[in-house]
Amino acid sequence: MSFSDKHQCILCDVVSCKFHDQSGHCQLDSIKVKPRKNCHDGSCDESECGSYINK
């Protein structure tokens, strides 16, 4: 899905990710959010970035 008419900004504090820049932004145009394994309880840590790649 493309949002070329939107100016979305993805902020990220995960400095170990390949797509993180020094200003705290994700350099990807979009990210995939996925559920964590064995965690479906509605807590705030239930999801994670599926686009993460270690530097």
PDB file of N, CA and C in Angstrom:
ATOM      1  N   MET A   1       0.847  -1.174   0.000  1.00  0.00           N
ATOM      2  CA  MET A   1       0.000   0.000   0.000  1.00  0.00           C
ATOM      3  C   MET A   1       0.888   1.231   0.000  1.00  0.00           C
ATOM      4  N   SER A   2       0.603   2.152  -0.850  1.00  0.00           N
ATOM      5  CA  SER A   2       1.413   3.359  -0.981  1.00  0.00           C
ATOM      6  C   SER A   2       0.633   4.583  -0.525  1.00  0.00           C
ATOM      7  N   PHE A   3       1.319   5.486   0.136  1.00  0.00           N
ATOM      8  CA  PHE A   3       0.725   6.732   0.608  1.00  0.00           C
ATOM      9  C   PHE A   3       1.535   7.905   0.080  1.00  0.00           C
ATOM     10  N   SER A   4       1.726   7.978  -1.226  1.00  0.00           N
ATOM     11  CA  SER A   4       2.593   8.993  -1.806  1.00  0.00           C
ATOM     12  C   SER A   4       2.107  10.414  -1.556  1.00  0.00           C
ATOM     13  N   ASP A   5       0.807  10.597  -1.302  1.00  0.00           N
ATOM     14  CA  ASP A   5       0.300  11.941  -1.043  1.00  0.00           C
ATOM     15  C   ASP A   5       0.392  12.321   0.434  1.00  0.00           C
ATOM     16  N   LYS A   6       0.830  11.418   1.286  1.00  0.00           N
ATOM     17  CA  LYS A   6       0.988  11.674   2.718  1.00  0.00           C
ATOM     18  C   LYS A   6       2.454  11.944   3.023  1.00  0.00           C
ATOM     19  N   HIS A   7       2.682  12.635   4.101  1.00  0.00           N
ATOM     20  CA  HIS A   7       4.050  12.893   4.545  1.00  0.00           C
ATOM     21  C   HIS A   7       4.235  12.242   5.904  1.00  0.00           C
ATOM     22  N   GLN A   8       4.239  10.922   5.915  1.00  0.00           N
ATOM     23  CA  GLN A   8       4.346  10.189   7.155  1.00  0.00           C
ATOM     24  C   GLN A   8       5.781  10.166   7.644  1.00  0.00           C
ATOM     25  N   CYS A   9       5.921  10.123   8.940  1.00  0.00           N
ATOM     26  CA  CYS A   9       7.227  10.088   9.567  1.00  0.00           C
ATOM     27  C   CYS A   9       7.255   8.916  10.538  1.00  0.00           C
ATOM     28  N   ILE A  10       8.236   8.052  10.403  1.00  0.00           N
ATOM     29  CA  ILE A  10       8.375   6.915  11.302  1.00  0.00           C
ATOM     30  C   ILE A  10       9.525   7.224  12.252  1.00  0.00           C
ATOM     31  N   LEU A  11       9.206   7.433  13.521  1.00  0.00           N
ATOM     32  CA  LEU A  11      10.225   7.682  14.531  1.00  0.00           C
ATOM     33  C   LEU A  11      10.639   6.367  15.159  1.00  0.00           C
ATOM     34  N   CYS A  12      11.901   6.241  15.494  1.00  0.00           N
ATOM     35  CA  CYS A  12      12.416   4.992  16.038  1.00  0.00           C
ATOM     36  C   CYS A  12      13.603   5.270  16.957  1.00  0.00           C
ATOM     37  N   ASP A  13      13.635   4.600  18.109  1.00  0.00           N
ATOM     38  CA  ASP A  13      14.744   4.721  19.043  1.00  0.00           C
ATOM     39  C   ASP A  13      15.643   3.488  19.054  1.00  0.00           C
ATOM     40  N   VAL A  14      15.437   2.562  18.121  1.00  0.00           N
ATOM     41  CA  VAL A  14      16.206   1.312  18.099  1.00  0.00           C
ATOM     42  C   VAL A  14      17.485   1.534  17.291  1.00  0.00           C
ATOM     43  N   VAL A  15      18.537   1.962  17.978  1.00  0.00           N
ATOM     44  CA  VAL A  15      19.773   2.341  17.299  1.00  0.00           C
ATOM     45  C   VAL A  15      20.512   1.158  16.678  1.00  0.00           C
ATOM     46  N   SER A  16      20.165  -0.069  17.076  1.00  0.00           N
ATOM     47  CA  SER A  16      20.836  -1.237  16.503  1.00  0.00           C
ATOM     48  C   SER A  16      20.250  -1.634  15.153  1.00  0.00           C
ATOM     49  N   CYS A  17      19.172  -0.971  14.715  1.00  0.00           N
ATOM     50  CA  CYS A  17      18.539  -1.315  13.439  1.00  0.00           C
ATOM     51  C   CYS A  17      19.271  -0.656  12.271  1.00  0.00           C
ATOM     52  N   LYS A  18      19.387  -1.370  11.200  1.00  0.00           N
ATOM     53  CA  LYS A  18      20.033  -0.896   9.970  1.00  0.00           C
ATOM     54  C   LYS A  18      19.380   0.369   9.422  1.00  0.00           C
ATOM     55  N   PHE A  19      18.077   0.547   9.637  1.00  0.00           N
ATOM     56  CA  PHE A  19      17.340   1.648   9.040  1.00  0.00           C
ATOM     57  C   PHE A  19      17.233   2.883   9.939  1.00  0.00           C
ATOM     58  N   HIS A  20      17.761   2.822  11.162  1.00  0.00           N
ATOM     59  CA  HIS A  20      17.728   3.946  12.103  1.00  0.00           C
ATOM     60  C   HIS A  20      18.773   4.978  11.707  1.00  0.00           C
ATOM     61  N   ASP A  21      18.410   6.256  11.728  1.00  0.00           N
ATOM     62  CA  ASP A  21      19.416   7.298  11.504  1.00  0.00           C
ATOM     63  C   ASP A  21      19.627   8.093  12.787  1.00  0.00           C
ATOM     64  N   GLN A  22      20.652   8.916  12.810  1.00  0.00           N
ATOM     65  CA  GLN A  22      21.052   9.620  14.025  1.00  0.00           C
ATOM     66  C   GLN A  22      20.023  10.631  14.512  1.00  0.00           C
ATOM     67  N   SER A  23      19.102  11.025  13.663  1.00  0.00           N
ATOM     68  CA  SER A  23      18.075  11.975  14.076  1.00  0.00           C
ATOM     69  C   SER A  23      16.865  11.273  14.703  1.00  0.00           C
ATOM     70  N   GLY A  24      16.901   9.935  14.792  1.00  0.00           N
ATOM     71  CA  GLY A  24      15.821   9.178  15.412  1.00  0.00           C
ATOM     72  C   GLY A  24      14.698   8.818  14.464  1.00  0.00           C
ATOM     73  N   HIS A  25      14.975   8.803  13.173  1.00  0.00           N
ATOM     74  CA  HIS A  25      13.975   8.461  12.171  1.00  0.00           C
ATOM     75  C   HIS A  25      14.313   7.130  11.514  1.00  0.00           C
ATOM     76  N   CYS A  26      13.270   6.424  11.109  1.00  0.00           N
ATOM     77  CA  CYS A  26      13.430   5.203  10.325  1.00  0.00           C
ATOM     78  C   CYS A  26      13.547   5.610   8.861  1.00  0.00           C
ATOM     79  N   GLN A  27      14.520   5.071   8.158  1.00  0.00           N
ATOM     80  CA  GLN A  27      14.745   5.421   6.769  1.00  0.00           C
ATOM     81  C   GLN A  27      13.854   4.651   5.787  1.00  0.00           C
ATOM     82  N   LEU A  28      13.043   3.720   6.286  1.00  0.00           N
ATOM     83  CA  LEU A  28      12.125   2.996   5.413  1.00  0.00           C
ATOM     84  C   LEU A  28      10.897   3.843   5.099  1.00  0.00           C
ATOM     85  N   ASP A  29      10.298   3.641   3.946  1.00  0.00           N
ATOM     86  CA  ASP A  29       9.057   4.328   3.579  1.00  0.00           C
ATOM     87  C   ASP A  29       7.864   3.766   4.349  1.00  0.00           C
ATOM     88  N   SER A  30       7.958   2.511   4.742  1.00  0.00           N
ATOM     89  CA  SER A  30       6.895   1.865   5.520  1.00  0.00           C
ATOM     90  C   SER A  30       7.531   0.771   6.362  1.00  0.00           C
ATOM     91  N   ILE A  31       6.828   0.354   7.408  1.00  0.00           N
ATOM     92  CA  ILE A  31       7.300  -0.741   8.247  1.00  0.00           C
ATOM     93  C   ILE A  31       6.196  -1.780   8.396  1.00  0.00           C
ATOM     94  N   LYS A  32       6.593  -2.976   8.740  1.00  0.00           N
ATOM     95  CA  LYS A  32       5.661  -4.072   9.011  1.00  0.00           C
ATOM     96  C   LYS A  32       5.631  -4.285  10.519  1.00  0.00           C
ATOM     97  N   VAL A  33       4.452  -4.156  11.122  1.00  0.00           N
ATOM     98  CA  VAL A  33       4.288  -4.426  12.550  1.00  0.00           C
ATOM     99  C   VAL A  33       3.690  -5.814  12.675  1.00  0.00           C
ATOM    100  N   LYS A  34       4.292  -6.642  13.532  1.00  0.00           N
ATOM    101  CA  LYS A  34       3.823  -8.011  13.689  1.00  0.00           C
ATOM    102  C   LYS A  34       3.715  -8.351  15.167  1.00  0.00           C
ATOM    103  N   PRO A  35       2.897  -9.363  15.508  1.00  0.00           N
ATOM    104  CA  PRO A  35       2.796  -9.773  16.904  1.00  0.00           C
ATOM    105  C   PRO A  35       4.044 -10.541  17.330  1.00  0.00           C
ATOM    106  N   ARG A  36       4.395 -10.387  18.578  1.00  0.00           N
ATOM    107  CA  ARG A  36       5.499 -11.164  19.129  1.00  0.00           C
ATOM    108  C   ARG A  36       5.032 -12.589  19.362  1.00  0.00           C
ATOM    109  N   LYS A  37       5.928 -13.518  19.330  1.00  0.00           N
ATOM    110  CA  LYS A  37       5.598 -14.930  19.528  1.00  0.00           C
ATOM    111  C   LYS A  37       5.049 -15.161  20.936  1.00  0.00           C
ATOM    112  N   ASN A  38       4.003 -15.947  21.019  1.00  0.00           N
ATOM    113  CA  ASN A  38       3.394 -16.358  22.281  1.00  0.00           C
ATOM    114  C   ASN A  38       2.962 -15.181  23.150  1.00  0.00           C
ATOM    115  N   CYS A  39       2.549 -14.093  22.524  1.00  0.00           N
ATOM    116  CA  CYS A  39       2.112 -12.933  23.291  1.00  0.00           C
ATOM    117  C   CYS A  39       0.866 -12.352  22.644  1.00  0.00           C
ATOM    118  N   HIS A  40      -0.282 -12.681  23.182  1.00  0.00           N
ATOM    119  CA  HIS A  40      -1.545 -12.183  22.648  1.00  0.00           C
ATOM    120  C   HIS A  40      -2.435 -11.722  23.797  1.00  0.00           C
ATOM    121  N   ASP A  41      -1.834 -10.994  24.749  1.00  0.00           N
ATOM    122  CA  ASP A  41      -2.569 -10.603  25.950  1.00  0.00           C
ATOM    123  C   ASP A  41      -2.989  -9.130  25.958  1.00  0.00           C
ATOM    124  N   GLY A  42      -2.708  -8.405  24.888  1.00  0.00           N
ATOM    125  CA  GLY A  42      -3.107  -7.002  24.811  1.00  0.00           C
ATOM    126  C   GLY A  42      -2.157  -6.046  25.507  1.00  0.00           C
ATOM    127  N   SER A  43      -1.016  -6.528  25.984  1.00  0.00           N
ATOM    128  CA  SER A  43      -0.055  -5.647  26.645  1.00  0.00           C
ATOM    129  C   SER A  43       0.680  -4.802  25.606  1.00  0.00           C
ATOM    130  N   CYS A  44       1.309  -3.743  26.077  1.00  0.00           N
ATOM    131  CA  CYS A  44       1.949  -2.807  25.151  1.00  0.00           C
ATOM    132  C   CYS A  44       3.134  -3.419  24.409  1.00  0.00           C
ATOM    133  N   ASP A  45       3.712  -4.490  24.914  1.00  0.00           N
ATOM    134  CA  ASP A  45       4.838  -5.118  24.225  1.00  0.00           C
ATOM    135  C   ASP A  45       4.418  -6.327  23.387  1.00  0.00           C
ATOM    136  N   GLU A  46       3.141  -6.377  23.019  1.00  0.00           N
ATOM    137  CA  GLU A  46       2.625  -7.491  22.227  1.00  0.00           C
ATOM    138  C   GLU A  46       3.132  -7.447  20.784  1.00  0.00           C
ATOM    139  N   SER A  47       3.472  -6.261  20.273  1.00  0.00           N
ATOM    140  CA  SER A  47       3.893  -6.147  18.877  1.00  0.00           C
ATOM    141  C   SER A  47       5.355  -5.730  18.773  1.00  0.00           C
ATOM    142  N   GLU A  48       5.915  -5.946  17.586  1.00  0.00           N
ATOM    143  CA  GLU A  48       7.282  -5.559  17.310  1.00  0.00           C
ATOM    144  C   GLU A  48       7.410  -5.177  15.842  1.00  0.00           C
ATOM    145  N   CYS A  49       8.498  -4.523  15.519  1.00  0.00           N
ATOM    146  CA  CYS A  49       8.742  -4.126  14.137  1.00  0.00           C
ATOM    147  C   CYS A  49       9.252  -5.339  13.356  1.00  0.00           C
ATOM    148  N   GLY A  50       8.496  -5.744  12.362  1.00  0.00           N
ATOM    149  CA  GLY A  50       8.873  -6.870  11.537  1.00  0.00           C
ATOM    150  C   GLY A  50       9.868  -6.495  10.455  1.00  0.00           C
ATOM    151  N   SER A  51      10.173  -5.207  10.326  1.00  0.00           N
ATOM    152  CA  SER A  51      11.113  -4.724   9.316  1.00  0.00           C
ATOM    153  C   SER A  51      12.533  -4.595   9.872  1.00  0.00           C
ATOM    154  N   TYR A  52      12.706  -4.874  11.145  1.00  0.00           N
ATOM    155  CA  TYR A  52      14.000  -4.721  11.807  1.00  0.00           C
ATOM    156  C   TYR A  52      15.069  -5.599  11.167  1.00  0.00           C
ATOM    157  N   ILE A  53      16.211  -4.999  10.893  1.00  0.00           N
ATOM    158  CA  ILE A  53      17.407  -5.722  10.447  1.00  0.00           C
ATOM    159  C   ILE A  53      18.577  -5.157  11.240  1.00  0.00           C
ATOM    160  N   ASN A  54      19.353  -6.032  11.875  1.00  0.00           N
ATOM    161  CA  ASN A  54      20.495  -5.612  12.665  1.00  0.00           C
ATOM    162  C   ASN A  54      21.555  -4.967  11.762  1.00  0.00           C
ATOM    163  N   LYS A  55      22.212  -3.933  12.259  1.00  0.00           N
ATOM    164  CA  LYS A  55      23.261  -3.244  11.467  1.00  0.00           C
ATOM    165  C   LYS A  55      24.383  -4.143  11.102  1.00  0.00           C
TER     166      LYS A  55
END
